[in-house]
C-alpha atoms as a PDB file:
ATOM      1  CA  UNK A   1      -0.574 -77.263  33.716  1.00  0.00           C
ATOM      2  CA  UNK A   2      -0.487 -80.445  31.483  1.00  0.00           C
ATOM      3  CA  UNK A   3       0.415 -81.733  28.135  1.00  0.00           C
ATOM      4  CA  UNK A   4      -0.898 -80.200  24.394  1.00  0.00           C
ATOM      5  CA  UNK A   5      -1.431 -82.135  21.727  1.00  0.00           C
ATOM      6  CA  UNK A   6       0.386 -81.149  18.372  1.00  0.00           C
ATOM      7  CA  UNK A   7      -0.700 -77.986  17.492  1.00  0.00           C
ATOM      8  CA  UNK A   8       0.557 -75.950  13.736  1.00  0.00           C
ATOM      9  CA  UNK A   9       2.903 -73.640  13.661  1.00  0.00           C
ATOM     10  CA  UNK A  10       0.671 -70.892  11.405  1.00  0.00           C
ATOM     11  CA  UNK A  11       3.805 -69.419   9.734  1.00  0.00           C
ATOM     12  CA  UNK A  12       7.280 -70.426   9.342  1.00  0.00           C
ATOM     13  CA  UNK A  13      10.000 -67.734   7.590  1.00  0.00           C
ATOM     14  CA  UNK A  14      11.814 -69.069   4.392  1.00  0.00           C
ATOM     15  CA  UNK A  15      15.158 -70.276   5.160  1.00  0.00           C
ATOM     16  CA  UNK A  16      17.135 -70.840   2.474  1.00  0.00           C
ATOM     17  CA  UNK A  17      20.977 -72.274   1.629  1.00  0.00           C
ATOM     18  CA  UNK A  18      23.673 -72.204  -0.711  1.00  0.00           C
ATOM     19  CA  UNK A  19      25.708 -75.263  -1.873  1.00  0.00           C
ATOM     20  CA  UNK A  20      29.549 -74.991  -0.734  1.00  0.00           C
ATOM     21  CA  UNK A  21      30.148 -71.626  -1.923  1.00  0.00           C
ATOM     22  CA  UNK A  22      33.742 -69.827  -3.297  1.00  0.00           C
ATOM     23  CA  UNK A  23      36.059 -67.139  -4.127  1.00  0.00           C
ATOM     24  CA  UNK A  24      39.099 -67.020  -5.847  1.00  0.00           C
ATOM     25  CA  UNK A  25      40.963 -64.178  -7.084  1.00  0.00           C
ATOM     26  CA  UNK A  26      42.935 -63.718 -10.226  1.00  0.00           C
ATOM     27  CA  UNK A  27      45.261 -61.480  -7.900  1.00  0.00           C
ATOM     28  CA  UNK A  28      47.329 -62.086  -6.085  1.00  0.00           C
ATOM     29  CA  UNK A  29      48.917 -59.732  -4.490  1.00  0.00           C
ATOM     30  CA  UNK A  30      47.715 -58.146  -1.100  1.00  0.00           C
ATOM     31  CA  UNK A  31      46.330 -54.455  -0.701  1.00  0.00           C
ATOM     32  CA  UNK A  32      45.947 -54.566  -5.158  1.00  0.00           C
ATOM     33  CA  UNK A  33      43.398 -54.911  -6.563  1.00  0.00           C
ATOM     34  CA  UNK A  34      42.645 -57.815  -8.116  1.00  0.00           C
ATOM     35  CA  UNK A  35      39.239 -59.826 -10.173  1.00  0.00           C
ATOM     36  CA  UNK A  36      37.960 -62.653  -8.307  1.00  0.00           C
ATOM     37  CA  UNK A  37      35.607 -64.898  -8.799  1.00  0.00           C
ATOM     38  CA  UNK A  38      32.518 -66.222  -7.267  1.00  0.00           C
ATOM     39  CA  UNK A  39      30.788 -69.184  -7.775  1.00  0.00           C
ATOM     40  CA  UNK A  40      26.812 -69.416  -6.161  1.00  0.00           C
ATOM     41  CA  UNK A  41      23.855 -72.728  -6.096  1.00  0.00           C
ATOM     42  CA  UNK A  42      21.036 -71.243  -4.188  1.00  0.00           C
ATOM     43  CA  UNK A  43      18.835 -74.016  -3.145  1.00  0.00           C
ATOM     44  CA  UNK A  44      15.935 -71.838  -3.618  1.00  0.00           C
ATOM     45  CA  UNK A  45      15.169 -69.162  -6.724  1.00  0.00           C
ATOM     46  CA  UNK A  46      16.113 -65.768  -6.403  1.00  0.00           C
ATOM     47  CA  UNK A  47      14.187 -63.569  -8.019  1.00  0.00           C
ATOM     48  CA  UNK A  48      15.076 -60.511 -10.154  1.00  0.00           C
ATOM     49  CA  UNK A  49      15.293 -56.841  -8.125  1.00  0.00           C
ATOM     50  CA  UNK A  50      17.421 -58.911  -5.226  1.00  0.00           C
ATOM     51  CA  UNK A  51      20.040 -59.289  -3.919  1.00  0.00           C
ATOM     52  CA  UNK A  52      23.343 -61.200  -2.884  1.00  0.00           C
ATOM     53  CA  UNK A  53      25.956 -59.317  -0.641  1.00  0.00           C
ATOM     54  CA  UNK A  54      29.692 -60.409  -0.384  1.00  0.00           C
ATOM     55  CA  UNK A  55      31.006 -59.791   2.800  1.00  0.00           C
ATOM     56  CA  UNK A  56      35.113 -59.134   2.349  1.00  0.00           C
ATOM     57  CA  UNK A  57      36.214 -57.544   5.034  1.00  0.00           C
ATOM     58  CA  UNK A  58      39.835 -56.036   5.201  1.00  0.00           C
ATOM     59  CA  UNK A  59      39.311 -54.940   1.894  1.00  0.00           C
ATOM     60  CA  UNK A  60      38.985 -51.524   0.277  1.00  0.00           C
ATOM     61  CA  UNK A  61      37.568 -50.785  -3.000  1.00  0.00           C
ATOM     62  CA  UNK A  62      37.412 -47.083  -4.230  1.00  0.00           C
ATOM     63  CA  UNK A  63      34.507 -46.273  -6.026  1.00  0.00           C
ATOM     64  CA  UNK A  64      31.131 -46.881  -4.284  1.00  0.00           C
ATOM     65  CA  UNK A  65      29.250 -46.960  -7.089  1.00  0.00           C
ATOM     66  CA  UNK A  66      30.507 -49.943  -9.325  1.00  0.00           C
ATOM     67  CA  UNK A  67      29.869 -49.716 -13.679  1.00  0.00           C
ATOM     68  CA  UNK A  68      27.942 -52.634 -14.186  1.00  0.00           C
ATOM     69  CA  UNK A  69      30.212 -53.570 -16.940  1.00  0.00           C
ATOM     70  CA  UNK A  70      32.861 -55.101 -14.064  1.00  0.00           C
ATOM     71  CA  UNK A  71      30.202 -57.655 -13.480  1.00  0.00           C
ATOM     72  CA  UNK A  72      29.920 -60.523 -15.282  1.00  0.00           C
ATOM     73  CA  UNK A  73      28.562 -62.317 -17.013  1.00  0.00           C
ATOM     74  CA  UNK A  74      26.277 -59.780 -18.971  1.00  0.00           C
ATOM     75  CA  UNK A  75      23.370 -58.222 -17.783  1.00  0.00           C
ATOM     76  CA  UNK A  76      23.355 -60.591 -14.233  1.00  0.00           C
ATOM     77  CA  UNK A  77      23.886 -57.172 -12.440  1.00  0.00           C
ATOM     78  CA  UNK A  78      21.049 -54.643 -12.094  1.00  0.00           C
ATOM     79  CA  UNK A  79      23.051 -52.553 -10.210  1.00  0.00           C
ATOM     80  CA  UNK A  80      26.902 -53.428  -7.899  1.00  0.00           C
ATOM     81  CA  UNK A  81      27.216 -50.762  -4.601  1.00  0.00           C
ATOM     82  CA  UNK A  82      31.079 -51.535  -2.107  1.00  0.00           C
ATOM     83  CA  UNK A  83      30.319 -50.297   0.966  1.00  0.00           C
ATOM     84  CA  UNK A  84      34.523 -48.938   2.291  1.00  0.00           C
ATOM     85  CA  UNK A  85      32.602 -48.999   6.273  1.00  0.00           C
ATOM     86  CA  UNK A  86      30.301 -52.594   6.519  1.00  0.00           C
ATOM     87  CA  UNK A  87      33.302 -54.570   3.330  1.00  0.00           C
ATOM     88  CA  UNK A  88      30.440 -55.069   1.219  1.00  0.00           C
ATOM     89  CA  UNK A  89      29.900 -56.025  -2.237  1.00  0.00           C
ATOM     90  CA  UNK A  90      26.302 -55.739  -3.147  1.00  0.00           C
ATOM     91  CA  UNK A  91      24.385 -56.422  -6.328  1.00  0.00           C
ATOM     92  CA  UNK A  92      21.207 -56.281  -7.053  1.00  0.00           C
ATOM     93  CA  UNK A  93      20.294 -58.837  -9.596  1.00  0.00           C
ATOM     94  CA  UNK A  94      17.972 -58.290 -13.307  1.00  0.00           C
ATOM     95  CA  UNK A  95      18.257 -62.128 -13.790  1.00  0.00           C
ATOM     96  CA  UNK A  96      15.618 -65.221 -12.274  1.00  0.00           C
ATOM     97  CA  UNK A  97      18.552 -67.395 -10.561  1.00  0.00           C
ATOM     98  CA  UNK A  98      16.271 -70.168 -10.729  1.00  0.00           C
ATOM     99  CA  UNK A  99      17.339 -72.803  -7.164  1.00  0.00           C
ATOM    100  CA  UNK A 100      20.420 -75.197  -6.958  1.00  0.00           C
ATOM    101  CA  UNK A 101      21.809 -73.709 -10.168  1.00  0.00           C
ATOM    102  CA  UNK A 102      25.369 -73.255 -10.383  1.00  0.00           C
ATOM    103  CA  UNK A 103      26.280 -69.145 -11.331  1.00  0.00           C
ATOM    104  CA  UNK A 104      29.243 -68.221 -11.437  1.00  0.00           C
ATOM    105  CA  UNK A 105      29.739 -64.343 -10.808  1.00  0.00           C
ATOM    106  CA  UNK A 106      32.860 -62.266 -12.315  1.00  0.00           C
ATOM    107  CA  UNK A 107      33.937 -59.016 -10.697  1.00  0.00           C
ATOM    108  CA  UNK A 108      37.071 -57.617 -12.946  1.00  0.00           C
ATOM    109  CA  UNK A 109      39.539 -55.006 -10.856  1.00  0.00           C
ATOM    110  CA  UNK A 110      37.992 -52.171 -12.638  1.00  0.00           C
ATOM    111  CA  UNK A 111      35.451 -51.974  -9.598  1.00  0.00           C
ATOM    112  CA  UNK A 112      38.622 -51.361  -8.049  1.00  0.00           C
ATOM    113  CA  UNK A 113      38.179 -53.771  -5.102  1.00  0.00           C
ATOM    114  CA  UNK A 114      41.058 -53.789  -3.464  1.00  0.00           C
ATOM    115  CA  UNK A 115      42.562 -57.230  -1.381  1.00  0.00           C
ATOM    116  CA  UNK A 116      43.846 -56.443   2.382  1.00  0.00           C
ATOM    117  CA  UNK A 117      47.044 -55.263   3.320  1.00  0.00           C
ATOM    118  CA  UNK A 118      47.014 -58.966   5.845  1.00  0.00           C
ATOM    119  CA  UNK A 119      46.040 -61.611   2.815  1.00  0.00           C
ATOM    120  CA  UNK A 120      43.522 -63.769   2.902  1.00  0.00           C
ATOM    121  CA  UNK A 121      44.218 -67.124   5.254  1.00  0.00           C
ATOM    122  CA  UNK A 122      43.693 -70.837   3.872  1.00  0.00           C
ATOM    123  CA  UNK A 123      40.446 -72.013   6.455  1.00  0.00           C
ATOM    124  CA  UNK A 124      39.135 -68.326   6.974  1.00  0.00           C
ATOM    125  CA  UNK A 125      36.071 -68.435   7.111  1.00  0.00           C
ATOM    126  CA  UNK A 126      34.977 -64.833   7.531  1.00  0.00           C
ATOM    127  CA  UNK A 127      34.177 -63.958   3.365  1.00  0.00           C
ATOM    128  CA  UNK A 128      30.849 -64.383   3.083  1.00  0.00           C
ATOM    129  CA  UNK A 129      27.580 -65.022   1.179  1.00  0.00           C
ATOM    130  CA  UNK A 130      24.203 -64.225   1.751  1.00  0.00           C
ATOM    131  CA  UNK A 131      21.023 -62.840   0.415  1.00  0.00           C
ATOM    132  CA  UNK A 132      17.564 -61.630   0.626  1.00  0.00           C
ATOM    133  CA  UNK A 133      15.965 -63.908  -1.686  1.00  0.00           C
ATOM    134  CA  UNK A 134      12.089 -64.088  -0.667  1.00  0.00           C
ATOM    135  CA  UNK A 135      12.271 -67.255  -1.175  1.00  0.00           C
ATOM    136  CA  UNK A 136      14.592 -68.442   1.136  1.00  0.00           C
ATOM    137  CA  UNK A 137      17.016 -65.495   3.097  1.00  0.00           C
ATOM    138  CA  UNK A 138      20.495 -66.366   3.441  1.00  0.00           C
ATOM    139  CA  UNK A 139      23.214 -65.448   6.207  1.00  0.00           C
ATOM    140  CA  UNK A 140      26.625 -64.903   6.108  1.00  0.00           C
ATOM    141  CA  UNK A 141      27.234 -67.992   4.389  1.00  0.00           C
ATOM    142  CA  UNK A 142      31.235 -68.956   4.766  1.00  0.00           C
ATOM    143  CA  UNK A 143      32.786 -69.327   1.769  1.00  0.00           C
ATOM    144  CA  UNK A 144      35.921 -71.073   0.654  1.00  0.00           C
ATOM    145  CA  UNK A 145      38.677 -69.905  -0.422  1.00  0.00           C
ATOM    146  CA  UNK A 146      40.268 -71.430  -3.148  1.00  0.00           C
ATOM    147  CA  UNK A 147      43.981 -69.507  -3.372  1.00  0.00           C
ATOM    148  CA  UNK A 148      44.928 -67.522  -0.350  1.00  0.00           C
ATOM    149  CA  UNK A 149      46.979 -64.538  -0.855  1.00  0.00           C
ATOM    150  CA  UNK A 150      49.912 -64.124   2.119  1.00  0.00           C
ATOM    151  CA  UNK A 151      51.260 -60.953   2.550  1.00  0.00           C
ATOM    152  CA  UNK A 152      54.224 -59.692   4.487  1.00  0.00           C
ATOM    153  CA  UNK A 153      52.777 -56.966   6.032  1.00  0.00           C
ATOM    154  CA  UNK A 154      50.009 -55.586   8.119  1.00  0.00           C
ATOM    155  CA  UNK A 155      48.176 -52.513  10.070  1.00  0.00           C
ATOM    156  CA  UNK A 156      51.348 -53.007  13.099  1.00  0.00           C
ATOM    157  CA  UNK A 157      54.318 -54.020  11.244  1.00  0.00           C
ATOM    158  CA  UNK A 158      56.148 -54.058   7.467  1.00  0.00           C
ATOM    159  CA  UNK A 159      58.881 -55.267   5.886  1.00  0.00           C
ATOM    160  CA  UNK A 160      62.343 -53.754   6.316  1.00  0.00           C
ATOM    161  CA  UNK A 161      66.141 -53.432   5.304  1.00  0.00           C
ATOM    162  CA  UNK A 162      69.118 -52.661   7.655  1.00  0.00           C
ATOM    163  CA  UNK A 163      72.676 -52.300   5.265  1.00  0.00           C
ATOM    164  CA  UNK A 164      76.411 -51.926   7.760  1.00  0.00           C
ATOM    165  CA  UNK A 165      77.833 -50.279   6.836  1.00  0.00           C
ATOM    166  CA  UNK A 166      75.922 -48.800   4.493  1.00  0.00           C
ATOM    167  CA  UNK A 167      78.588 -46.801   2.198  1.00  0.00           C
ATOM    168  CA  UNK A 168      77.491 -47.005  -1.812  1.00  0.00           C
ATOM    169  CA  UNK A 169      79.814 -48.972  -4.045  1.00  0.00           C
ATOM    170  CA  UNK A 170      81.009 -51.154  -0.905  1.00  0.00           C
ATOM    171  CA  UNK A 171      79.984 -54.692   0.636  1.00  0.00           C
ATOM    172  CA  UNK A 172      77.378 -54.563   2.695  1.00  0.00           C
ATOM    173  CA  UNK A 173      75.764 -56.807   5.356  1.00  0.00           C
ATOM    174  CA  UNK A 174      72.136 -57.106   5.173  1.00  0.00           C
ATOM    175  CA  UNK A 175      69.305 -58.024   8.132  1.00  0.00           C
ATOM    176  CA  UNK A 176      65.821 -58.380   6.336  1.00  0.00           C
ATOM    177  CA  UNK A 177      63.015 -58.386   9.474  1.00  0.00           C
ATOM    178  CA  UNK A 178      60.210 -59.389   8.523  1.00  0.00           C
ATOM    179  CA  UNK A 179      56.918 -60.993   9.868  1.00  0.00           C
ATOM    180  CA  UNK A 180      54.204 -63.691   7.709  1.00  0.00           C
ATOM    181  CA  UNK A 181      50.499 -63.819   8.174  1.00  0.00           C
ATOM    182  CA  UNK A 182      51.076 -67.729   6.847  1.00  0.00           C
ATOM    183  CA  UNK A 183      52.966 -70.110   7.704  1.00  0.00           C
ATOM    184  CA  UNK A 184      55.943 -70.504   5.478  1.00  0.00           C
ATOM    185  CA  UNK A 185      56.931 -73.945   4.915  1.00  0.00           C
ATOM    186  CA  UNK A 186      60.280 -76.342   4.704  1.00  0.00           C
ATOM    187  CA  UNK A 187      61.889 -75.960   1.377  1.00  0.00           C
ATOM    188  CA  UNK A 188      60.081 -73.180   0.056  1.00  0.00           C
ATOM    189  CA  UNK A 189      61.263 -69.334  -0.440  1.00  0.00           C
ATOM    190  CA  UNK A 190      61.554 -66.228   0.367  1.00  0.00           C
ATOM    191  CA  UNK A 191      63.197 -63.789  -2.677  1.00  0.00           C
ATOM    192  CA  UNK A 192      64.476 -60.540  -2.276  1.00  0.00           C
ATOM    193  CA  UNK A 193      64.412 -57.875  -5.278  1.00  0.00           C
ATOM    194  CA  UNK A 194      67.153 -55.410  -5.109  1.00  0.00           C
ATOM    195  CA  UNK A 195      66.928 -53.679  -8.341  1.00  0.00           C
ATOM    196  CA  UNK A 196      70.305 -51.016  -8.511  1.00  0.00           C
ATOM    197  CA  UNK A 197      73.064 -53.319  -6.696  1.00  0.00           C
ATOM    198  CA  UNK A 198      75.854 -55.413  -8.569  1.00  0.00           C
ATOM    199  CA  UNK A 199      75.673 -59.664 -10.065  1.00  0.00           C
ATOM    200  CA  UNK A 200      77.897 -60.983  -6.909  1.00  0.00           C
ATOM    201  CA  UNK A 201      77.836 -64.513  -7.072  1.00  0.00           C
ATOM    202  CA  UNK A 202      76.088 -65.247  -3.118  1.00  0.00           C
ATOM    203  CA  UNK A 203      76.356 -69.078  -2.971  1.00  0.00           C
ATOM    204  CA  UNK A 204      79.632 -68.422  -3.181  1.00  0.00           C
ATOM    205  CA  UNK A 205      79.409 -64.736  -1.941  1.00  0.00           C
ATOM    206  CA  UNK A 206      77.126 -64.107   1.285  1.00  0.00           C
ATOM    207  CA  UNK A 207      77.034 -66.013   4.664  1.00  0.00           C
ATOM    208  CA  UNK A 208      73.275 -66.548   5.195  1.00  0.00           C
ATOM    209  CA  UNK A 209      71.955 -66.550   8.557  1.00  0.00           C
ATOM    210  CA  UNK A 210      68.658 -65.953  10.114  1.00  0.00           C
ATOM    211  CA  UNK A 211      66.558 -64.994  13.494  1.00  0.00           C
ATOM    212  CA  UNK A 212      62.872 -66.301  14.288  1.00  0.00           C
ATOM    213  CA  UNK A 213      61.161 -63.528  17.368  1.00  0.00           C
ATOM    214  CA  UNK A 214      58.369 -65.399  17.983  1.00  0.00           C
ATOM    215  CA  UNK A 215      55.587 -61.759  19.290  1.00  0.00           C
ATOM    216  CA  UNK A 216      52.864 -62.916  21.168  1.00  0.00           C
END
């Protein structure tokens, strides 16, 4: 045993980073097709032929090989593919991106990618961006979510409504059961659309009560 003098490291792989990447959605409805905008600022060069990969867990898509016309700016991506098992959107670049250069990339709803059934929470840490750039690989860098998307559904539950006495053209008691996947604050509203129902003034006629059940 004994001390070791300073020894140079002969090989150290490059490690990159993205500065404050974020993602936003133009159509904010759970389980619906949407257009997405992603802002990325890599600390290093990302060259033509290398990949930008977005991990979008819970999203679904029907188009595996996406027409690059759904990606803008035009000419940004040589190819675009969606994997419905891994929930990865892979863009192979047809341009060079300089280090510290901000790129705003839009993926239109024509790409066929749908938001998760359970929506997207503010502060959610699962939407990430990666790259295989030779100048600095990045794995799973968390994107900030600009606009969360609420939902009343997931794989285990969805809203339902009951009527009593369930007779047409008579006044019925309505029971609405729902499980919000996001926090609801005092003063916020839940709107129930009932097409075909007569336009009674609910404020004068309705006796509204609520019961909260905590699911564990």
